[in-house]
Amino acid sequence: ETFKTNYYYLHYNNRKDINSIKFKINNYKLEKNMVKVKVEYSSLNFKDLAVIMGLIDDDNIGYEFSGKVIESGSSNFKEGDLVCCYPENGKGFGNICLVDEKYIFKVPQELDLKLLSSIGISYGTAYLALVYFANIQKNDLVLIHNASGALGLASLEITKMIGCKVIASCSTKEKEEYLRNNYSNIVLITDSRDYDKYTNDINNFTENEGVDVILASSYD
């Protein structure tokens, strides 16, 4: 297929059909407070797959990428700025993306754009949940379900930085070994897929006192 424009993005035609993903054409008109960004790296998140497969109520994919500003309708960004972007309507799986300035963050020139494209949503969600809403404190006992996923690992880093103790759950021995070898603030690891086991493990460990904060990484 020959594109009539230089702007394209990846999207799906049919829900629950991963094979329906195709490139689509988009003609971007730069408006006030909007920024046109050349996409360098995009991250594929579980949410993207969940949208395509109809597991959650959303239509868009491609919510996280990094790149360079090529044109700006905002006084806060200029051509050449390196940025991380989280566009409200997705379309980040493409070569050019138009993003409202509210969803763009400047990044230092020395940081790796590839790395930055993959940490914003997971770390942002973990920070909001644990620090902003739960207000975790040093020595709090935090339960992190599915701790080996992106959100779980980001949460482990934040709890370690603050000084919290963590009960982690995961689904395989390989994941358990990774968590045990890399996070000294984990005091107990249990099975995320066996309800009876992890409830018994947690009750036994805490002597039925429970935990201070629970973070569950799941679409349901």
C-alpha atoms as a PDB file:
ATOM      1  CA  GLU A   1       0.000   0.000   0.000  1.00  0.00           C
ATOM      2  CA  THR A   2       1.270   3.475  -0.902  1.00  0.00           C
ATOM      3  CA  PHE A   3       0.591   6.137   1.698  1.00  0.00           C
ATOM      4  CA  LYS A   4      -0.574   9.566   0.523  1.00  0.00           C
ATOM      5  CA  THR A   5       0.820  11.163   3.671  1.00  0.00           C
ATOM      6  CA  ASN A   6       3.944  10.803   5.748  1.00  0.00           C
ATOM      7  CA  TYR A   7       1.886  10.345   8.918  1.00  0.00           C
ATOM      8  CA  TYR A   8       0.730   6.876   9.893  1.00  0.00           C
ATOM      9  CA  TYR A   9      -0.005   4.828  13.021  1.00  0.00           C
ATOM     10  CA  LEU A  10      -0.759   1.241  13.941  1.00  0.00           C
ATOM     11  CA  HIS A  11      -4.323   0.311  14.886  1.00  0.00           C
ATOM     12  CA  TYR A  12      -6.752  -2.621  14.760  1.00  0.00           C
ATOM     13  CA  ASN A  13      -9.841  -3.130  12.609  1.00  0.00           C
ATOM     14  CA  ASN A  14     -11.647  -5.814  14.583  1.00  0.00           C
ATOM     15  CA  ARG A  15     -11.911  -6.433  18.292  1.00  0.00           C
ATOM     16  CA  LYS A  16     -10.609  -9.790  19.523  1.00  0.00           C
ATOM     17  CA  ASP A  17      -8.604 -10.230  16.313  1.00  0.00           C
ATOM     18  CA  ILE A  18      -4.906  -9.552  16.781  1.00  0.00           C
ATOM     19  CA  ASN A  19      -4.374 -10.234  13.072  1.00  0.00           C
ATOM     20  CA  SER A  20      -6.499  -7.221  12.120  1.00  0.00           C
ATOM     21  CA  ILE A  21      -3.751  -4.775  13.133  1.00  0.00           C
ATOM     22  CA  LYS A  22      -2.800  -2.489  10.232  1.00  0.00           C
ATOM     23  CA  PHE A  23      -1.153   0.847   9.577  1.00  0.00           C
ATOM     24  CA  LYS A  24      -3.626   3.687   9.142  1.00  0.00           C
ATOM     25  CA  ILE A  25      -3.166   7.106   7.621  1.00  0.00           C
ATOM     26  CA  ASN A  26      -3.616  10.276   9.656  1.00  0.00           C
ATOM     27  CA  ASN A  27      -3.483  13.897   8.539  1.00  0.00           C
ATOM     28  CA  TYR A  28      -2.376  15.997  11.497  1.00  0.00           C
ATOM     29  CA  LYS A  29      -3.320  19.666  11.775  1.00  0.00           C
ATOM     30  CA  LEU A  30      -1.250  21.515  14.340  1.00  0.00           C
ATOM     31  CA  GLU A  31      -3.403  23.616  16.666  1.00  0.00           C
ATOM     32  CA  LYS A  32      -2.749  25.783  19.713  1.00  0.00           C
ATOM     33  CA  ASN A  33      -1.236  23.897  22.675  1.00  0.00           C
ATOM     34  CA  MET A  34      -0.616  20.845  20.490  1.00  0.00           C
ATOM     35  CA  VAL A  35       2.851  19.448  19.780  1.00  0.00           C
ATOM     36  CA  LYS A  36       3.946  17.341  16.828  1.00  0.00           C
ATOM     37  CA  VAL A  37       6.427  14.674  17.909  1.00  0.00           C
ATOM     38  CA  LYS A  38       8.583  12.312  15.867  1.00  0.00           C
ATOM     39  CA  VAL A  39       8.227   8.939  17.567  1.00  0.00           C
ATOM     40  CA  GLU A  40      11.539   7.263  18.381  1.00  0.00           C
ATOM     41  CA  TYR A  41      10.389   4.428  20.682  1.00  0.00           C
ATOM     42  CA  SER A  42       6.931   3.124  21.598  1.00  0.00           C
ATOM     43  CA  SER A  43       6.047   0.743  24.414  1.00  0.00           C
ATOM     44  CA  LEU A  44       3.610  -2.131  24.104  1.00  0.00           C
ATOM     45  CA  ASN A  45       1.662  -2.409  27.364  1.00  0.00           C
ATOM     46  CA  PHE A  46      -0.738  -5.062  28.571  1.00  0.00           C
ATOM     47  CA  LYS A  47      -3.481  -2.425  28.227  1.00  0.00           C
ATOM     48  CA  ASP A  48      -2.935  -2.312  24.459  1.00  0.00           C
ATOM     49  CA  LEU A  49      -3.531  -6.040  24.180  1.00  0.00           C
ATOM     50  CA  ALA A  50      -6.483  -5.832  26.565  1.00  0.00           C
ATOM     51  CA  VAL A  51      -8.094  -3.148  24.374  1.00  0.00           C
ATOM     52  CA  ILE A  52      -7.620  -5.153  21.184  1.00  0.00           C
ATOM     53  CA  MET A  53      -8.985  -8.322  22.787  1.00  0.00           C
ATOM     54  CA  GLY A  54     -11.997  -6.500  24.232  1.00  0.00           C
ATOM     55  CA  LEU A  55     -11.058  -7.047  27.873  1.00  0.00           C
ATOM     56  CA  ILE A  56     -11.446  -3.382  28.869  1.00  0.00           C
ATOM     57  CA  ASP A  57     -13.671  -0.525  27.759  1.00  0.00           C
ATOM     58  CA  ASP A  58     -11.397   1.546  25.553  1.00  0.00           C
ATOM     59  CA  ASP A  59     -10.809   1.955  21.819  1.00  0.00           C
ATOM     60  CA  ASN A  60      -7.285   3.319  21.551  1.00  0.00           C
ATOM     61  CA  ILE A  61      -3.809   1.808  21.709  1.00  0.00           C
ATOM     62  CA  GLY A  62      -0.316   3.290  21.823  1.00  0.00           C
ATOM     63  CA  TYR A  63      -0.378   5.396  24.985  1.00  0.00           C
ATOM     64  CA  GLU A  64       3.331   5.584  25.739  1.00  0.00           C
ATOM     65  CA  PHE A  65       6.289   6.714  23.642  1.00  0.00           C
ATOM     66  CA  SER A  66       9.352   8.923  23.546  1.00  0.00           C
ATOM     67  CA  GLY A  67      10.633  11.111  20.748  1.00  0.00           C
ATOM     68  CA  LYS A  68      11.665  14.542  19.508  1.00  0.00           C
ATOM     69  CA  VAL A  69       9.520  17.635  18.940  1.00  0.00           C
ATOM     70  CA  ILE A  70       9.450  18.609  15.252  1.00  0.00           C
ATOM     71  CA  GLU A  71       6.793  21.346  15.411  1.00  0.00           C
ATOM     72  CA  SER A  72       5.031  23.066  18.293  1.00  0.00           C
ATOM     73  CA  GLY A  73       1.874  25.043  18.888  1.00  0.00           C
ATOM     74  CA  SER A  74       2.809  25.371  22.552  1.00  0.00           C
ATOM     75  CA  SER A  75       5.009  27.954  24.190  1.00  0.00           C
ATOM     76  CA  ASN A  76       6.285  25.253  26.567  1.00  0.00           C
ATOM     77  CA  PHE A  77       7.936  23.118  23.877  1.00  0.00           C
ATOM     78  CA  LYS A  78      10.188  23.884  20.954  1.00  0.00           C
ATOM     79  CA  GLU A  79      11.591  22.017  17.978  1.00  0.00           C
ATOM     80  CA  GLY A  80      14.333  19.613  19.060  1.00  0.00           C
ATOM     81  CA  ASP A  81      13.067  19.004  22.602  1.00  0.00           C
ATOM     82  CA  LEU A  82      13.331  15.372  23.732  1.00  0.00           C
ATOM     83  CA  VAL A  83      10.075  14.267  25.314  1.00  0.00           C
ATOM     84  CA  CYS A  84       8.055  11.428  26.800  1.00  0.00           C
ATOM     85  CA  CYS A  85       4.432  11.378  25.698  1.00  0.00           C
ATOM     86  CA  TYR A  86       1.228   9.794  26.966  1.00  0.00           C
ATOM     87  CA  PRO A  87      -1.390  10.891  24.393  1.00  0.00           C
ATOM     88  CA  GLU A  88      -5.007  10.936  25.556  1.00  0.00           C
ATOM     89  CA  ASN A  89      -6.203   9.216  22.385  1.00  0.00           C
ATOM     90  CA  GLY A  90      -3.275   6.883  21.809  1.00  0.00           C
ATOM     91  CA  LYS A  91      -1.855   6.563  18.273  1.00  0.00           C
ATOM     92  CA  GLY A  92       1.674   6.269  19.653  1.00  0.00           C
ATOM     93  CA  PHE A  93       2.508   3.269  17.449  1.00  0.00           C
ATOM     94  CA  GLY A  94       3.426   5.438  14.491  1.00  0.00           C
ATOM     95  CA  ASN A  95       6.054   7.721  13.042  1.00  0.00           C
ATOM     96  CA  ILE A  96       4.508  11.082  13.958  1.00  0.00           C
ATOM     97  CA  CYS A  97       2.059  11.825  16.760  1.00  0.00           C
ATOM     98  CA  LEU A  98       0.170  14.989  17.652  1.00  0.00           C
ATOM     99  CA  VAL A  99      -0.094  15.370  21.426  1.00  0.00           C
ATOM    100  CA  ASP A 100      -1.703  17.908  23.735  1.00  0.00           C
ATOM    101  CA  GLU A 101       0.972  19.667  25.804  1.00  0.00           C
ATOM    102  CA  LYS A 102      -0.716  18.370  28.992  1.00  0.00           C
ATOM    103  CA  TYR A 103       0.493  14.865  28.184  1.00  0.00           C
ATOM    104  CA  ILE A 104       4.117  15.666  27.318  1.00  0.00           C
ATOM    105  CA  PHE A 105       7.162  15.813  29.575  1.00  0.00           C
ATOM    106  CA  LYS A 106      10.612  17.126  28.701  1.00  0.00           C
ATOM    107  CA  VAL A 107      13.514  14.804  29.398  1.00  0.00           C
ATOM    108  CA  PRO A 108      17.211  15.554  29.899  1.00  0.00           C
ATOM    109  CA  GLN A 109      19.343  15.166  26.793  1.00  0.00           C
ATOM    110  CA  GLU A 110      21.615  12.606  28.460  1.00  0.00           C
ATOM    111  CA  LEU A 111      18.832  10.125  29.274  1.00  0.00           C
ATOM    112  CA  ASP A 112      18.076   7.105  27.087  1.00  0.00           C
ATOM    113  CA  LEU A 113      14.884   7.547  25.050  1.00  0.00           C
ATOM    114  CA  LYS A 114      14.439   3.792  24.724  1.00  0.00           C
ATOM    115  CA  LEU A 115      14.383   3.386  28.501  1.00  0.00           C
ATOM    116  CA  LEU A 116      12.183   6.426  29.005  1.00  0.00           C
ATOM    117  CA  SER A 117       9.556   5.101  26.611  1.00  0.00           C
ATOM    118  CA  SER A 118       8.840   2.208  28.946  1.00  0.00           C
ATOM    119  CA  ILE A 119       8.739   3.630  32.479  1.00  0.00           C
ATOM    120  CA  GLY A 120       6.189   6.445  32.481  1.00  0.00           C
ATOM    121  CA  ILE A 121       2.902   4.591  32.808  1.00  0.00           C
ATOM    122  CA  SER A 122       4.129   1.892  35.179  1.00  0.00           C
ATOM    123  CA  TYR A 123       6.074   4.228  37.465  1.00  0.00           C
ATOM    124  CA  GLY A 124       3.468   6.971  37.238  1.00  0.00           C
ATOM    125  CA  THR A 125       0.705   4.557  38.229  1.00  0.00           C
ATOM    126  CA  ALA A 126       2.793   3.106  41.050  1.00  0.00           C
ATOM    127  CA  TYR A 127       3.658   6.568  42.385  1.00  0.00           C
ATOM    128  CA  LEU A 128       0.048   7.773  42.282  1.00  0.00           C
ATOM    129  CA  ALA A 129      -1.248   4.623  43.970  1.00  0.00           C
ATOM    130  CA  LEU A 130       1.400   4.230  46.650  1.00  0.00           C
ATOM    131  CA  VAL A 131       2.671   7.720  47.388  1.00  0.00           C
ATOM    132  CA  TYR A 132      -0.110  10.113  46.391  1.00  0.00           C
ATOM    133  CA  PHE A 133      -3.153   8.071  47.441  1.00  0.00           C
ATOM    134  CA  ALA A 134      -1.914   5.465  49.951  1.00  0.00           C
ATOM    135  CA  ASN A 135       0.759   7.742  51.454  1.00  0.00           C
ATOM    136  CA  ILE A 136       3.041   4.807  52.270  1.00  0.00           C
ATOM    137  CA  GLN A 137       5.588   5.332  55.021  1.00  0.00           C
ATOM    138  CA  LYS A 138       8.806   3.668  56.145  1.00  0.00           C
ATOM    139  CA  ASN A 139       8.198   0.199  57.654  1.00  0.00           C
ATOM    140  CA  ASP A 140       4.660  -0.075  56.230  1.00  0.00           C
ATOM    141  CA  LEU A 141       3.811  -3.610  55.108  1.00  0.00           C
ATOM    142  CA  VAL A 142       2.669  -3.474  51.481  1.00  0.00           C
ATOM    143  CA  LEU A 143       1.096  -6.350  49.552  1.00  0.00           C
ATOM    144  CA  ILE A 144       1.942  -6.228  45.835  1.00  0.00           C
ATOM    145  CA  HIS A 145       0.039  -8.722  43.705  1.00  0.00           C
ATOM    146  CA  ASN A 146       1.664  -9.799  40.418  1.00  0.00           C
ATOM    147  CA  ALA A 147       4.877  -8.189  41.576  1.00  0.00           C
ATOM    148  CA  SER A 148       6.953  -9.342  38.596  1.00  0.00           C
ATOM    149  CA  GLY A 149       4.998  -7.275  36.059  1.00  0.00           C
ATOM    150  CA  ALA A 150       5.810  -3.716  35.016  1.00  0.00           C
ATOM    151  CA  LEU A 151       3.605  -2.083  37.642  1.00  0.00           C
ATOM    152  CA  GLY A 152       4.761  -4.553  40.271  1.00  0.00           C
ATOM    153  CA  LEU A 153       8.449  -3.919  39.623  1.00  0.00           C
ATOM    154  CA  ALA A 154       7.931  -0.157  39.640  1.00  0.00           C
ATOM    155  CA  SER A 155       6.088  -0.518  42.948  1.00  0.00           C
ATOM    156  CA  LEU A 156       8.925  -2.589  44.381  1.00  0.00           C
ATOM    157  CA  GLU A 157      11.437   0.108  43.490  1.00  0.00           C
ATOM    158  CA  ILE A 158       9.322   2.819  45.126  1.00  0.00           C
ATOM    159  CA  THR A 159       8.647   0.811  48.289  1.00  0.00           C
ATOM    160  CA  LYS A 160      12.348  -0.025  48.531  1.00  0.00           C
ATOM    161  CA  MET A 161      13.259   3.652  48.208  1.00  0.00           C
ATOM    162  CA  ILE A 162      10.803   4.636  50.960  1.00  0.00           C
ATOM    163  CA  GLY A 163      11.737   1.731  53.226  1.00  0.00           C
ATOM    164  CA  CYS A 164       8.575  -0.379  53.176  1.00  0.00           C
ATOM    165  CA  LYS A 165       8.393  -4.116  53.750  1.00  0.00           C
ATOM    166  CA  VAL A 166       6.702  -6.053  50.954  1.00  0.00           C
ATOM    167  CA  ILE A 167       4.689  -9.215  50.585  1.00  0.00           C
ATOM    168  CA  ALA A 168       4.861 -10.100  46.897  1.00  0.00           C
ATOM    169  CA  SER A 169       2.866 -12.540  44.817  1.00  0.00           C
ATOM    170  CA  CYS A 170       3.880 -14.043  41.470  1.00  0.00           C
ATOM    171  CA  SER A 171       2.959 -17.030  39.313  1.00  0.00           C
ATOM    172  CA  THR A 172       6.153 -19.017  38.633  1.00  0.00           C
ATOM    173  CA  LYS A 173       9.309 -20.207  40.388  1.00  0.00           C
ATOM    174  CA  GLU A 174      11.414 -18.262  37.892  1.00  0.00           C
ATOM    175  CA  LYS A 175       9.663 -15.018  38.807  1.00  0.00           C
ATOM    176  CA  GLU A 176       9.930 -15.837  42.492  1.00  0.00           C
ATOM    177  CA  GLU A 177      13.679 -16.364  42.151  1.00  0.00           C
ATOM    178  CA  TYR A 178      14.093 -13.056  40.330  1.00  0.00           C
ATOM    179  CA  LEU A 179      12.168 -11.157  43.013  1.00  0.00           C
ATOM    180  CA  ARG A 180      14.032 -12.859  45.847  1.00  0.00           C
ATOM    181  CA  ASN A 181      17.432 -12.110  44.276  1.00  0.00           C
ATOM    182  CA  ASN A 182      16.752  -8.458  43.500  1.00  0.00           C
ATOM    183  CA  TYR A 183      14.576  -7.004  46.259  1.00  0.00           C
ATOM    184  CA  SER A 184      15.807  -7.251  49.825  1.00  0.00           C
ATOM    185  CA  ASN A 185      12.680  -5.467  51.137  1.00  0.00           C
ATOM    186  CA  ILE A 186      10.491  -8.484  50.225  1.00  0.00           C
ATOM    187  CA  VAL A 187       9.647 -10.407  53.396  1.00  0.00           C
ATOM    188  CA  LEU A 188       7.340 -13.018  51.855  1.00  0.00           C
ATOM    189  CA  ILE A 189       6.632 -14.340  48.356  1.00  0.00           C
ATOM    190  CA  THR A 190       3.446 -16.265  47.664  1.00  0.00           C
ATOM    191  CA  ASP A 191       1.470 -17.687  44.728  1.00  0.00           C
ATOM    192  CA  SER A 192      -0.635 -15.135  42.840  1.00  0.00           C
ATOM    193  CA  ARG A 193      -2.747 -17.844  41.176  1.00  0.00           C
ATOM    194  CA  ASP A 194      -3.694 -19.862  44.240  1.00  0.00           C
ATOM    195  CA  TYR A 195      -6.194 -17.884  46.319  1.00  0.00           C
ATOM    196  CA  ASP A 196      -6.230 -20.253  49.279  1.00  0.00           C
ATOM    197  CA  LYS A 197      -2.431 -20.403  49.445  1.00  0.00           C
ATOM    198  CA  TYR A 198      -1.765 -16.664  49.318  1.00  0.00           C
ATOM    199  CA  THR A 199      -4.520 -15.805  51.800  1.00  0.00           C
ATOM    200  CA  ASN A 200      -3.234 -18.456  54.214  1.00  0.00           C
ATOM    201  CA  ASP A 201       0.380 -17.378  53.688  1.00  0.00           C
ATOM    202  CA  ILE A 202      -0.468 -13.741  54.388  1.00  0.00           C
ATOM    203  CA  ASN A 203      -2.640 -14.476  57.411  1.00  0.00           C
ATOM    204  CA  ASN A 204      -0.008 -16.762  58.890  1.00  0.00           C
ATOM    205  CA  PHE A 205       2.825 -14.307  58.286  1.00  0.00           C
ATOM    206  CA  THR A 206       0.929 -11.336  59.740  1.00  0.00           C
ATOM    207  CA  GLU A 207      -0.756 -13.385  62.480  1.00  0.00           C
ATOM    208  CA  ASN A 208      -4.117 -12.375  60.996  1.00  0.00           C
ATOM    209  CA  GLU A 209      -3.284  -8.679  61.342  1.00  0.00           C
ATOM    210  CA  GLY A 210      -3.223  -8.069  57.587  1.00  0.00           C
ATOM    211  CA  VAL A 211      -1.176  -5.472  55.725  1.00  0.00           C
ATOM    212  CA  ASP A 212      -1.124  -1.674  55.576  1.00  0.00           C
ATOM    213  CA  VAL A 213      -1.558  -1.267  51.813  1.00  0.00           C
ATOM    214  CA  ILE A 214      -2.605  -3.541  48.948  1.00  0.00           C
ATOM    215  CA  LEU A 215      -1.688  -2.919  45.311  1.00  0.00           C
ATOM    216  CA  ALA A 216      -3.289  -5.290  42.819  1.00  0.00           C
ATOM    217  CA  SER A 217      -2.158  -5.183  39.197  1.00  0.00           C
ATOM    218  CA  SER A 218      -5.066  -6.665  37.266  1.00  0.00           C
ATOM    219  CA  TYR A 219      -7.563  -5.565  34.599  1.00  0.00           C
ATOM    220  CA  ASP A 220     -10.483  -7.096  36.553  1.00  0.00           C
END
